[in-house]
């Protein structure tokens, strides 16, 4: 039977109307689903290598201006006491991946291979629907796991023309060569991932990690002559003689006076440069080197130390400047793309560093300059702009914090605590008031003795357990840690209290009485690497 034409038209309108309503409902549901996903904040974790608070103007404006890092401080929170568990590059990174101290995550010294099969926070974020990426310095000897995308430096990585490990179109791990300045290349790759690879229907976690300002401090072409007309102020402890300190302070090999190499000081030409890069380099350093070598014979020992300090610290600051530039580019893009409001941006470094304090460069010690690392956090709508925090926080807390922010349950075997509530200005009542530190790499670079210790921010007790020596510092009256008062009877009650706390923390964190055989672990790692290269 044929229906009248008018009836067909009415039916068609009704069907069309129902279809449109269904389409609207489905669209709204879809938007709700996407909104639910986007309600979880994105995480951008910016990480540098060997960057100290003294070279970040939000903490100390006397040496350098870092306007883009300062943006995070101005728009967020600055942490004054972020302590690291083990002040050396690879171990710090392993702590962040796992939320566990070095003795539990298996990566206590550089030169071994991180066990990527273990539980890590990026794997847990992946399972919860986050898109994960790491770009830049990895420095764990392994191929990153738990990341949808990785493009990382091979080993330590050079400052110029770095080889980087990633995957090809088939998902196979490959190493690709690059030409340019490493800090700028890492920034470019991070931006490219945000622009081209990021999935708009998923929250993301990006680890954007720089090599700089790690030794041997090779500046970008645009900064080769920056600071030439400036004299950087010397730290008041540059000529420290370590009086009253235990023997390890005397026996280290990290003095500006004695242990900076000609390559550190740019008195020899760098390797792996293009002809243009080398020409620019020689044009900048050639005249400066010639003037120094000509004058050196008539210089006093102190004048030579002063020249070395100026050369070293300026190159270090020049490298920091490029990191700050890159951070500015990433922050600008987040704003342009409309991502800033729902993205928490965190800046930190793997530990602190010595800019001449105690006459040193490098890190490793439980002394304040290397124990403390920068931590800046911007979380729009959650973190109060321009706020500061003096709680004892740590890189041990980062993994737990990322998970908590993402709404992921924190595993019970992680050893840190989430900082999310502190970011919001609410410190938990039972928050830690003491901190455990443990450094293992001896024998090793710079000959810093193995030690562990405890600090409450007011006093610090350090045990050099292989030699049986101790140090105690009154940080309120001796912030430069020049006077070891461990043998002073006036501090006996404080010593006993800290010894008790040290015992408690070692038990809490399940620290074994005997150190692992690190030399064996390094030998095994080298053997694996040789076998892999033969394949």
Protein backbone atom coordinates (compact mmCIF):
# COMPACT_ATOMS: atom_id res chain seq x y z
CA UNK A 1 0.00 0.00 0.00
CA UNK A 2 1.27 3.42 -0.95
CA UNK A 3 1.23 6.10 1.74
CA UNK A 4 0.10 9.62 0.84
CA UNK A 5 2.94 11.96 -0.05
CA UNK A 6 2.09 14.31 2.87
CA UNK A 7 2.28 11.39 5.34
CA UNK A 8 5.67 10.37 3.97
CA UNK A 9 6.96 13.87 4.51
CA UNK A 10 5.68 14.01 8.11
CA UNK A 11 7.21 10.58 8.86
CA UNK A 12 10.48 11.64 7.34
CA UNK A 13 10.53 14.77 9.52
CA UNK A 14 9.80 12.71 12.63
CA UNK A 15 12.52 10.17 11.81
CA UNK A 16 14.94 12.95 11.02
CA UNK A 17 14.05 14.68 14.28
CA UNK A 18 14.61 11.51 16.28
CA UNK A 19 17.92 10.92 14.53
CA UNK A 20 19.02 14.44 15.29
CA UNK A 21 18.01 14.04 18.94
CA UNK A 22 19.95 10.78 19.12
CA UNK A 23 22.92 12.43 17.51
CA UNK A 24 22.76 15.30 20.02
CA UNK A 25 22.55 12.85 22.94
CA UNK A 26 25.47 10.80 21.64
CA UNK A 27 27.48 13.97 21.06
CA UNK A 28 26.79 15.21 24.58
CA UNK A 29 27.76 11.83 26.02
CA UNK A 30 30.91 11.91 23.95
CA UNK A 31 31.72 15.40 25.21
CA UNK A 32 31.10 14.26 28.79
CA UNK A 33 33.48 11.35 28.25
CA UNK A 34 36.14 13.61 26.80
CA UNK A 35 35.58 16.14 29.57
CA UNK A 36 35.98 13.44 32.17
CA UNK A 37 39.30 12.53 30.61
CA UNK A 38 40.43 16.12 30.31
CA UNK A 39 39.42 16.84 33.90
CA UNK A 40 42.47 14.89 34.95
CA UNK A 41 45.36 17.33 34.74
CA UNK A 42 48.17 16.97 32.27
CA UNK A 43 51.63 16.74 33.81
CA UNK A 44 54.75 18.37 32.38
CA UNK A 45 57.80 17.43 34.43
CA UNK A 46 60.82 19.53 33.47
CA UNK A 47 64.08 18.12 34.73
CA UNK A 48 67.64 19.36 34.37
CA UNK A 49 70.95 17.83 35.39
CA UNK A 50 73.13 19.28 38.18
CA UNK A 51 71.21 22.54 38.48
CA UNK A 52 71.52 24.14 41.91
CA UNK A 53 69.32 26.63 43.69
CA UNK A 54 72.19 29.15 43.62
CA UNK A 55 71.85 29.37 39.82
CA UNK A 56 68.11 30.03 39.68
CA UNK A 57 67.04 33.61 40.30
CA UNK A 58 63.80 32.65 42.07
CA UNK A 59 66.14 31.38 44.80
CA UNK A 60 69.22 33.56 44.34
CA UNK A 61 69.30 36.48 41.88
CA UNK A 62 72.98 37.29 42.51
CA UNK A 63 74.46 35.26 39.62
CA UNK A 64 71.84 34.86 36.90
CA UNK A 65 68.34 35.80 35.82
CA UNK A 66 66.14 32.86 34.83
CA UNK A 67 62.89 34.58 33.82
CA UNK A 68 61.09 31.48 32.58
CA UNK A 69 61.83 29.34 35.61
CA UNK A 70 60.83 32.37 37.64
CA UNK A 71 57.47 32.37 35.84
CA UNK A 72 56.75 29.06 37.51
CA UNK A 73 57.70 30.52 40.89
CA UNK A 74 55.68 33.69 40.35
CA UNK A 75 52.63 31.75 39.17
CA UNK A 76 53.08 28.85 41.57
CA UNK A 77 55.04 27.55 44.57
CA UNK A 78 58.76 27.57 45.40
CA UNK A 79 60.07 24.80 47.65
CA UNK A 80 63.06 25.72 49.80
CA UNK A 81 63.83 22.27 51.20
CA UNK A 82 63.53 19.66 48.50
CA UNK A 83 66.10 17.02 49.50
CA UNK A 84 67.39 14.19 47.34
CA UNK A 85 67.94 10.66 48.62
CA UNK A 86 71.27 10.13 46.80
CA UNK A 87 72.94 13.14 45.16
CA UNK A 88 74.07 11.66 41.87
CA UNK A 89 72.47 11.61 38.42
CA UNK A 90 71.30 8.07 37.59
CA UNK A 91 70.26 7.06 41.12
CA UNK A 92 68.17 10.21 41.47
CA UNK A 93 66.36 9.39 38.23
CA UNK A 94 65.72 5.83 39.37
CA UNK A 95 64.21 7.12 42.61
CA UNK A 96 61.82 9.29 40.62
CA UNK A 97 60.77 6.40 38.37
CA UNK A 98 60.05 4.08 41.28
CA UNK A 99 59.30 6.14 44.37
CA UNK A 100 61.83 3.99 46.23
CA UNK A 101 65.28 4.50 47.75
CA UNK A 102 68.32 3.30 45.81
CA UNK A 103 68.79 0.10 47.80
CA UNK A 104 65.30 -1.07 46.77
CA UNK A 105 65.14 0.08 43.14
CA UNK A 106 68.57 -1.48 42.49
CA UNK A 107 70.22 1.63 41.03
CA UNK A 108 72.51 3.09 43.69
CA UNK A 109 75.51 4.17 41.57
CA UNK A 110 76.09 5.38 38.03
CA UNK A 111 77.37 2.91 35.46
CA UNK A 112 74.88 0.08 35.99
CA UNK A 113 71.59 -0.65 34.21
CA UNK A 114 68.19 0.26 35.60
CA UNK A 115 65.78 -2.66 35.84
CA UNK A 116 62.92 -1.30 33.76
CA UNK A 117 60.81 -4.41 34.37
CA UNK A 118 59.97 -3.24 37.87
CA UNK A 119 56.98 -1.12 38.85
CA UNK A 120 57.32 2.51 37.77
CA UNK A 121 54.96 5.45 37.86
CA UNK A 122 54.71 5.90 34.03
CA UNK A 123 53.52 2.31 33.68
CA UNK A 124 50.79 2.97 36.23
CA UNK A 125 49.79 6.19 34.47
CA UNK A 126 49.59 4.32 31.17
CA UNK A 127 47.22 1.77 32.69
CA UNK A 128 45.07 4.64 33.94
CA UNK A 129 44.72 6.07 30.43
CA UNK A 130 47.47 8.66 30.37
CA UNK A 131 49.61 9.17 27.30
CA UNK A 132 53.24 9.19 28.44
CA UNK A 133 56.43 10.52 26.86
CA UNK A 134 60.03 11.16 27.84
CA UNK A 135 62.34 13.39 25.81
CA UNK A 136 65.98 14.24 26.52
CA UNK A 137 68.31 12.80 29.10
CA UNK A 138 67.50 9.31 30.42
CA UNK A 139 70.88 8.18 31.79
CA UNK A 140 69.70 4.87 33.24
CA UNK A 141 71.44 2.54 30.79
CA UNK A 142 68.16 0.90 29.79
CA UNK A 143 65.54 1.44 27.11
CA UNK A 144 62.68 3.42 28.68
CA UNK A 145 59.61 1.39 29.62
CA UNK A 146 56.18 2.75 30.41
CA UNK A 147 56.33 5.46 27.75
CA UNK A 148 54.20 5.67 24.61
CA UNK A 149 56.98 7.76 23.12
CA UNK A 150 60.64 8.22 23.97
CA UNK A 151 63.48 10.07 22.29
CA UNK A 152 66.44 10.10 24.66
CA UNK A 153 70.15 10.78 24.69
CA UNK A 154 72.48 7.84 24.42
CA UNK A 155 74.28 7.64 27.76
CA UNK A 156 75.36 11.01 29.09
CA UNK A 157 75.02 12.64 25.69
CA UNK A 158 77.19 15.48 24.29
CA UNK A 159 76.32 19.16 24.30
CA UNK A 160 76.49 19.32 20.50
CA UNK A 161 75.24 16.97 17.77
CA UNK A 162 73.76 14.23 19.97
CA UNK A 163 72.84 10.68 18.97
CA UNK A 164 69.39 9.88 20.40
CA UNK A 165 67.50 6.65 20.91
CA UNK A 166 63.89 6.34 19.81
CA UNK A 167 61.66 3.99 17.80
CA UNK A 168 61.06 3.92 14.07
CA UNK A 169 57.78 3.47 12.17
CA UNK A 170 57.86 -0.27 12.88
CA UNK A 171 58.40 0.23 16.61
CA UNK A 172 62.02 -0.92 16.45
CA UNK A 173 64.53 0.86 18.70
CA UNK A 174 66.93 2.95 16.61
CA UNK A 175 69.63 5.55 17.22
CA UNK A 176 69.48 8.71 15.13
CA UNK A 177 72.15 11.37 14.74
CA UNK A 178 71.34 15.07 15.11
CA UNK A 179 73.13 18.30 14.30
CA UNK A 180 72.79 21.26 16.60
CA UNK A 181 72.88 22.27 20.25
CA UNK A 182 71.52 19.52 22.48
CA UNK A 183 69.46 21.74 24.80
CA UNK A 184 67.71 23.30 21.81
CA UNK A 185 67.18 19.91 20.13
CA UNK A 186 65.57 18.48 23.27
CA UNK A 187 63.23 21.47 23.49
CA UNK A 188 62.34 21.13 19.81
CA UNK A 189 61.53 17.45 20.27
CA UNK A 190 59.38 18.11 23.34
CA UNK A 191 57.42 20.76 21.45
CA UNK A 192 57.06 18.52 18.43
CA UNK A 193 55.59 15.77 20.60
CA UNK A 194 53.12 18.20 22.16
CA UNK A 195 52.09 19.50 18.74
CA UNK A 196 52.15 16.37 16.59
CA UNK A 197 51.97 13.24 18.75
CA UNK A 198 49.80 14.23 21.68
CA UNK A 199 46.30 12.74 21.62
CA UNK A 200 43.72 15.39 22.40
CA UNK A 201 41.27 12.90 23.93
CA UNK A 202 43.77 11.75 26.59
CA UNK A 203 45.52 13.41 29.49
CA UNK A 204 49.29 13.29 29.12
CA UNK A 205 52.48 13.15 31.15
CA UNK A 206 55.59 14.54 29.49
CA UNK A 207 59.05 14.24 31.03
CA UNK A 208 61.11 16.97 29.36
CA UNK A 209 64.67 16.35 30.57
CA UNK A 210 67.86 18.30 29.86
CA UNK A 211 71.49 17.27 29.89
CA UNK A 212 72.50 20.79 30.91
CA UNK A 213 74.08 22.10 33.03
CA UNK A 214 76.06 18.88 33.55
CA UNK A 215 79.83 18.84 33.20
CA UNK A 216 81.64 19.90 31.02
CA UNK A 217 79.46 22.97 30.52
CA UNK A 218 79.61 23.75 26.79
CA UNK A 219 77.44 26.82 26.05
CA UNK A 220 75.23 27.36 23.03
CA UNK A 221 76.66 29.47 20.20
CA UNK A 222 74.50 32.46 21.16
CA UNK A 223 75.88 32.47 24.71
CA UNK A 224 79.58 31.87 24.08
CA UNK A 225 80.47 35.47 25.00
CA UNK A 226 77.65 36.19 27.42
CA UNK A 227 79.01 37.32 30.82
CA UNK A 228 82.46 38.15 29.38
CA UNK A 229 82.18 41.66 30.84
CA UNK A 230 80.92 40.47 34.23
CA UNK A 231 82.76 39.27 37.34
CA UNK A 232 80.64 36.68 39.12
CA UNK A 233 80.76 37.00 42.91
CA UNK A 234 82.78 34.30 44.64
CA UNK A 235 81.10 32.22 47.37
CA UNK A 236 82.40 33.00 50.85
CA UNK A 237 83.62 29.42 51.29
CA UNK A 238 85.64 29.23 48.06
CA UNK A 239 88.87 28.94 50.04
CA UNK A 240 87.59 26.50 52.67
CA UNK A 241 90.38 24.44 54.29
CA UNK A 242 87.99 21.80 55.80
CA UNK A 243 89.23 22.42 59.33
CA UNK A 244 87.21 20.36 61.88
CA UNK A 245 85.63 18.26 59.10
CA UNK A 246 86.09 14.49 58.86
CA UNK A 247 88.79 13.12 56.53
CA UNK A 248 86.50 12.62 53.47
CA UNK A 249 86.21 16.39 53.05
CA UNK A 250 90.01 16.57 52.75
CA UNK A 251 90.36 13.53 50.48
CA UNK A 252 87.84 14.32 47.72
CA UNK A 253 88.86 15.09 44.12
CA UNK A 254 86.50 17.88 43.11
CA UNK A 255 88.36 21.10 43.86
CA UNK A 256 88.33 24.01 41.47
CA UNK A 257 91.95 24.59 42.43
CA UNK A 258 93.22 21.11 41.49
CA UNK A 259 90.69 19.02 39.61
CA UNK A 260 89.15 20.97 36.75
CA UNK A 261 90.62 19.65 33.51
CA UNK A 262 91.75 21.62 30.47
CA UNK A 263 88.62 20.40 28.72
CA UNK A 264 86.46 21.69 31.60
CA UNK A 265 88.23 25.04 31.33
CA UNK A 266 87.94 25.15 27.51
CA UNK A 267 91.72 25.24 27.09
CA UNK A 268 91.47 22.36 24.62
CA UNK A 269 89.17 22.20 21.62
CA UNK A 270 85.90 20.27 21.99
CA UNK A 271 85.18 17.11 20.06
CA UNK A 272 82.32 16.20 17.74
CA UNK A 273 81.78 19.71 16.34
CA UNK A 274 80.87 20.73 12.81
CA UNK A 275 83.34 23.13 11.14
CA UNK A 276 80.95 26.07 11.70
CA UNK A 277 80.44 25.20 15.37
CA UNK A 278 84.19 24.89 15.90
CA UNK A 279 84.88 28.18 14.15
CA UNK A 280 82.36 29.99 16.38
CA UNK A 281 83.81 28.30 19.44
CA UNK A 282 87.41 29.22 18.63
CA UNK A 283 86.40 32.78 17.83
CA UNK A 284 84.91 33.09 21.32
CA UNK A 285 87.41 31.17 23.44
CA UNK A 286 90.62 31.66 21.44
CA UNK A 287 91.30 35.28 22.48
CA UNK A 288 90.26 34.64 26.09
CA UNK A 289 92.51 31.59 26.34
CA UNK A 290 95.43 33.40 24.75
CA UNK A 291 95.14 36.23 27.28
CA UNK A 292 95.06 33.80 30.21
CA UNK A 293 97.99 31.67 29.04
CA UNK A 294 100.05 34.77 28.43
CA UNK A 295 99.35 36.11 31.93
CA UNK A 296 99.44 32.81 33.83
CA UNK A 297 103.18 32.75 34.51
CA UNK A 298 102.89 35.96 36.53
CA UNK A 299 99.75 35.02 38.42
CA UNK A 300 99.63 33.98 42.06
CA UNK A 301 98.01 30.71 43.13
CA UNK A 302 94.94 32.63 44.32
CA UNK A 303 94.69 34.50 41.01
CA UNK A 304 94.78 31.22 39.10
CA UNK A 305 91.97 29.85 41.29
CA UNK A 306 90.00 33.02 40.67
CA UNK A 307 90.45 32.71 36.90
CA UNK A 308 89.40 29.05 36.97
CA UNK A 309 86.36 29.90 39.05
CA UNK A 310 85.24 32.64 36.66
CA UNK A 311 85.72 30.44 33.60
CA UNK A 312 83.88 27.50 35.21
CA UNK A 313 80.97 29.38 36.73
CA UNK A 314 80.29 31.48 33.63
CA UNK A 315 80.16 28.42 31.38
CA UNK A 316 77.83 26.72 33.87
CA UNK A 317 75.52 29.75 33.92
CA UNK A 318 75.60 29.97 30.14
CA UNK A 319 74.28 26.41 29.96
CA UNK A 320 71.54 27.21 32.47
CA UNK A 321 70.50 30.15 30.31
CA UNK A 322 69.71 27.86 27.37
CA UNK A 323 67.64 25.58 29.60
CA UNK A 324 65.64 28.59 30.75
CA UNK A 325 65.07 29.67 27.13
CA UNK A 326 63.70 26.22 26.29
CA UNK A 327 61.37 26.24 29.28
CA UNK A 328 60.00 29.56 28.07
CA UNK A 329 59.20 28.07 24.67
CA UNK A 330 57.32 25.17 26.25
CA UNK A 331 55.38 27.42 28.63
CA UNK A 332 54.45 29.71 25.73
CA UNK A 333 53.16 26.78 23.70
CA UNK A 334 51.04 25.47 26.58
CA UNK A 335 49.37 28.88 26.74
CA UNK A 336 48.92 29.18 22.96
CA UNK A 337 47.39 25.70 22.77
CA UNK A 338 44.97 26.35 25.61
CA UNK A 339 46.62 23.70 27.79
CA UNK A 340 47.96 25.84 30.63
CA UNK A 341 44.88 25.85 32.82
CA UNK A 342 44.69 22.07 33.05
CA UNK A 343 48.41 21.32 33.12
CA UNK A 344 50.58 21.10 36.20
CA UNK A 345 54.16 22.10 35.39
CA UNK A 346 56.94 20.98 37.73
CA UNK A 347 60.58 22.00 37.48
CA UNK A 348 63.39 20.24 39.35
CA UNK A 349 66.90 18.82 38.98
CA UNK A 350 68.48 15.49 39.89
CA UNK A 351 70.31 17.13 42.81
CA UNK A 352 72.08 20.32 43.74
CA UNK A 353 75.60 21.35 42.80
CA UNK A 354 78.65 23.28 44.00
CA UNK A 355 79.32 26.64 42.40
CA UNK A 356 82.59 27.03 44.24
CA UNK A 357 81.20 26.50 47.74
CA UNK A 358 83.88 24.72 49.81
CA UNK A 359 86.15 25.25 46.79
CA UNK A 360 84.24 22.57 44.88
CA UNK A 361 82.37 21.68 41.74
CA UNK A 362 80.22 18.50 41.42
CA UNK A 363 77.70 17.05 43.93
CA UNK A 364 77.44 13.73 45.95
CA UNK A 365 77.66 15.08 49.51
CA UNK A 366 74.93 15.37 52.11
CA UNK A 367 76.05 18.96 52.59
CA UNK A 368 73.33 21.50 51.79
CA UNK A 369 74.41 22.61 48.30
CA UNK A 370 74.06 19.12 46.81
CA UNK A 371 71.39 17.75 49.16
CA UNK A 372 68.90 20.45 48.13
CA UNK A 373 67.52 20.63 44.61
CA UNK A 374 65.23 23.25 43.04
CA UNK A 375 61.51 22.52 43.01
CA UNK A 376 59.02 24.89 41.40
CA UNK A 377 55.37 23.96 40.83
CA UNK A 378 52.65 25.73 38.86
CA UNK A 379 49.17 24.24 39.11
CA UNK A 380 46.53 26.77 38.04
CA UNK A 381 43.51 26.89 40.34
CA UNK A 382 45.25 24.71 42.93
CA UNK A 383 48.63 26.23 43.85
CA UNK A 384 48.72 29.76 45.19
CA UNK A 385 50.71 32.08 42.96
CA UNK A 386 53.93 33.36 44.49
CA UNK A 387 53.80 31.02 47.47
CA UNK A 388 56.77 29.38 49.19
CA UNK A 389 57.08 26.18 51.20
CA UNK A 390 59.59 25.09 53.86
CA UNK A 391 58.43 21.52 54.43
CA UNK A 392 60.94 18.71 53.96
CA UNK A 393 60.00 17.23 50.61
CA UNK A 394 62.01 14.98 48.30
CA UNK A 395 62.48 13.44 44.88
CA UNK A 396 61.29 10.31 46.70
CA UNK A 397 57.82 11.91 46.62
CA UNK A 398 57.60 12.69 42.90
CA UNK A 399 56.24 9.35 41.64
CA UNK A 400 53.56 9.28 44.34
CA UNK A 401 52.64 12.88 43.53
CA UNK A 402 52.21 12.21 39.81
CA UNK A 403 49.96 9.24 40.56
CA UNK A 404 47.88 11.12 43.11
CA UNK A 405 47.37 14.07 40.78
CA UNK A 406 46.18 11.64 38.09
CA UNK A 407 43.76 9.92 40.46
CA UNK A 408 45.76 6.68 40.47
CA UNK A 409 46.09 4.64 43.66
CA UNK A 410 49.60 4.85 45.10
CA UNK A 411 51.13 1.37 45.60
CA UNK A 412 51.84 0.51 49.21
CA UNK A 413 55.47 -0.40 48.54
CA UNK A 414 56.39 3.10 47.36
CA UNK A 415 58.33 4.91 50.07
CA UNK A 416 57.51 8.57 49.49
CA UNK A 417 54.37 10.60 50.03
CA UNK A 418 52.22 12.59 47.64
CA UNK A 419 52.87 16.33 47.57
CA UNK A 420 49.48 17.11 46.01
CA UNK A 421 47.94 18.50 49.21
CA UNK A 422 51.06 20.57 49.90
CA UNK A 423 50.80 22.00 46.38
CA UNK A 424 47.32 23.14 47.44
CA UNK A 425 48.69 24.80 50.55
CA UNK A 426 47.69 22.11 53.04
CA UNK A 427 50.53 20.21 54.69
CA UNK A 428 49.36 16.92 56.27
CA UNK A 429 49.58 16.90 60.07
CA UNK A 430 51.84 13.85 60.10
CA UNK A 431 54.26 15.18 57.48
CA UNK A 432 57.92 14.18 57.88
CA UNK A 433 60.16 16.30 60.08
CA UNK A 434 63.39 14.42 59.32
CA UNK A 435 65.06 12.97 56.25
CA UNK A 436 67.37 10.05 55.44
CA UNK A 437 70.20 10.31 52.88
CA UNK A 438 72.58 7.65 51.54
CA UNK A 439 75.46 7.98 49.04
CA UNK A 440 77.19 4.81 47.79
CA UNK A 441 79.60 5.56 44.94
CA UNK A 442 83.06 4.95 46.42
CA UNK A 443 85.48 4.14 44.98
CA UNK A 444 84.30 6.27 42.12
CA UNK A 445 84.34 9.66 40.51
CA UNK A 446 85.65 12.49 42.70
CA UNK A 447 86.51 10.11 45.58
CA UNK A 448 83.63 11.08 47.84
CA UNK A 449 83.34 8.55 50.67
CA UNK A 450 80.19 6.54 51.19
CA UNK A 451 78.00 8.09 53.83
CA UNK A 452 74.50 8.20 55.18
CA UNK A 453 72.84 10.62 57.52
CA UNK A 454 69.77 12.33 58.89
CA UNK A 455 68.69 15.96 58.95
CA UNK A 456 65.73 17.80 60.42
CA UNK A 457 66.63 21.08 58.78
CA UNK A 458 68.10 22.44 62.00
CA UNK A 459 70.82 19.86 62.65
CA UNK A 460 72.47 17.27 60.45
CA UNK A 461 74.25 14.06 61.47
CA UNK A 462 76.46 12.28 58.91
CA UNK A 463 78.13 8.87 59.24
CA UNK A 464 81.13 7.99 57.05
CA UNK A 465 80.55 4.38 57.91
CA UNK A 466 83.55 2.86 56.17
CA UNK A 467 86.01 4.90 58.26
CA UNK A 468 83.88 5.21 61.38
CA UNK A 469 83.91 9.03 61.30
CA UNK A 470 80.98 11.32 62.09
CA UNK A 471 79.99 14.91 61.48
CA UNK A 472 77.30 17.00 63.18
CA UNK A 473 76.32 20.45 61.98
CA UNK A 474 74.22 23.13 63.62
CA UNK A 475 72.55 24.48 60.49
CA UNK A 476 70.89 27.42 62.17
CA UNK A 477 74.14 28.81 63.59
CA UNK A 478 76.46 27.39 60.92
CA UNK A 479 74.57 27.35 57.59
CA UNK A 480 77.81 26.92 55.61
CA UNK A 481 78.60 23.71 57.53
CA UNK A 482 82.13 24.74 58.43
CA UNK A 483 82.17 23.60 62.05
CA UNK A 484 81.78 19.92 62.87
CA UNK A 485 80.43 19.84 66.45
CA UNK A 486 80.08 16.08 66.78
CA UNK A 487 82.69 15.93 69.56
CA UNK A 488 81.31 19.00 71.33
CA UNK A 489 79.68 17.87 74.63
CA UNK A 490 77.18 20.72 74.40
CA UNK A 491 75.58 18.87 71.48
CA UNK A 492 75.54 15.39 73.07
CA UNK A 493 71.77 15.33 73.58
CA UNK A 494 71.17 16.42 69.96
CA UNK A 495 73.60 13.76 68.76
CA UNK A 496 71.80 11.03 70.68
CA UNK A 497 68.43 12.19 69.40
CA UNK A 498 69.62 12.18 65.78
CA UNK A 499 71.33 8.80 66.18
CA UNK A 500 68.02 7.36 67.38
CA UNK A 501 66.20 8.96 64.46
CA UNK A 502 68.80 7.63 62.02
CA UNK A 503 68.25 4.11 63.33
CA UNK A 504 64.50 4.52 63.04
CA UNK A 505 64.64 5.77 59.45
CA UNK A 506 67.00 3.03 58.33
CA UNK A 507 64.56 0.48 59.70
CA UNK A 508 61.56 2.24 58.16
CA UNK A 509 63.17 2.32 54.72
CA UNK A 510 64.48 -1.25 55.00
CA UNK A 511 68.12 -0.27 54.51
CA UNK A 512 70.38 -3.37 54.59
CA UNK A 513 73.37 -3.37 56.90
CA UNK A 514 75.76 -4.29 54.07
CA UNK A 515 76.11 -2.37 50.81
CA UNK A 516 75.58 -4.31 47.57
CA UNK A 517 78.62 -5.24 45.47
CA UNK A 518 78.56 -2.28 43.11
CA UNK A 519 81.79 -3.13 41.33
CA UNK A 520 80.31 -6.48 40.36
CA UNK A 521 77.11 -4.79 39.22
CA UNK A 522 79.08 -2.36 37.03
CA UNK A 523 81.13 -5.18 35.51
CA UNK A 524 77.96 -7.09 34.67
CA UNK A 525 76.41 -3.99 33.10
CA UNK A 526 79.50 -3.40 30.95
CA UNK A 527 79.45 -7.05 29.83
CA UNK A 528 75.79 -6.76 28.82
CA UNK A 529 76.49 -3.56 26.90
CA UNK A 530 79.39 -5.18 25.01
CA UNK A 531 77.21 -8.17 24.13
CA UNK A 532 74.44 -5.86 22.90
CA UNK A 533 76.88 -3.89 20.73
CA UNK A 534 78.13 -7.10 19.08
CA UNK A 535 74.56 -7.98 18.10
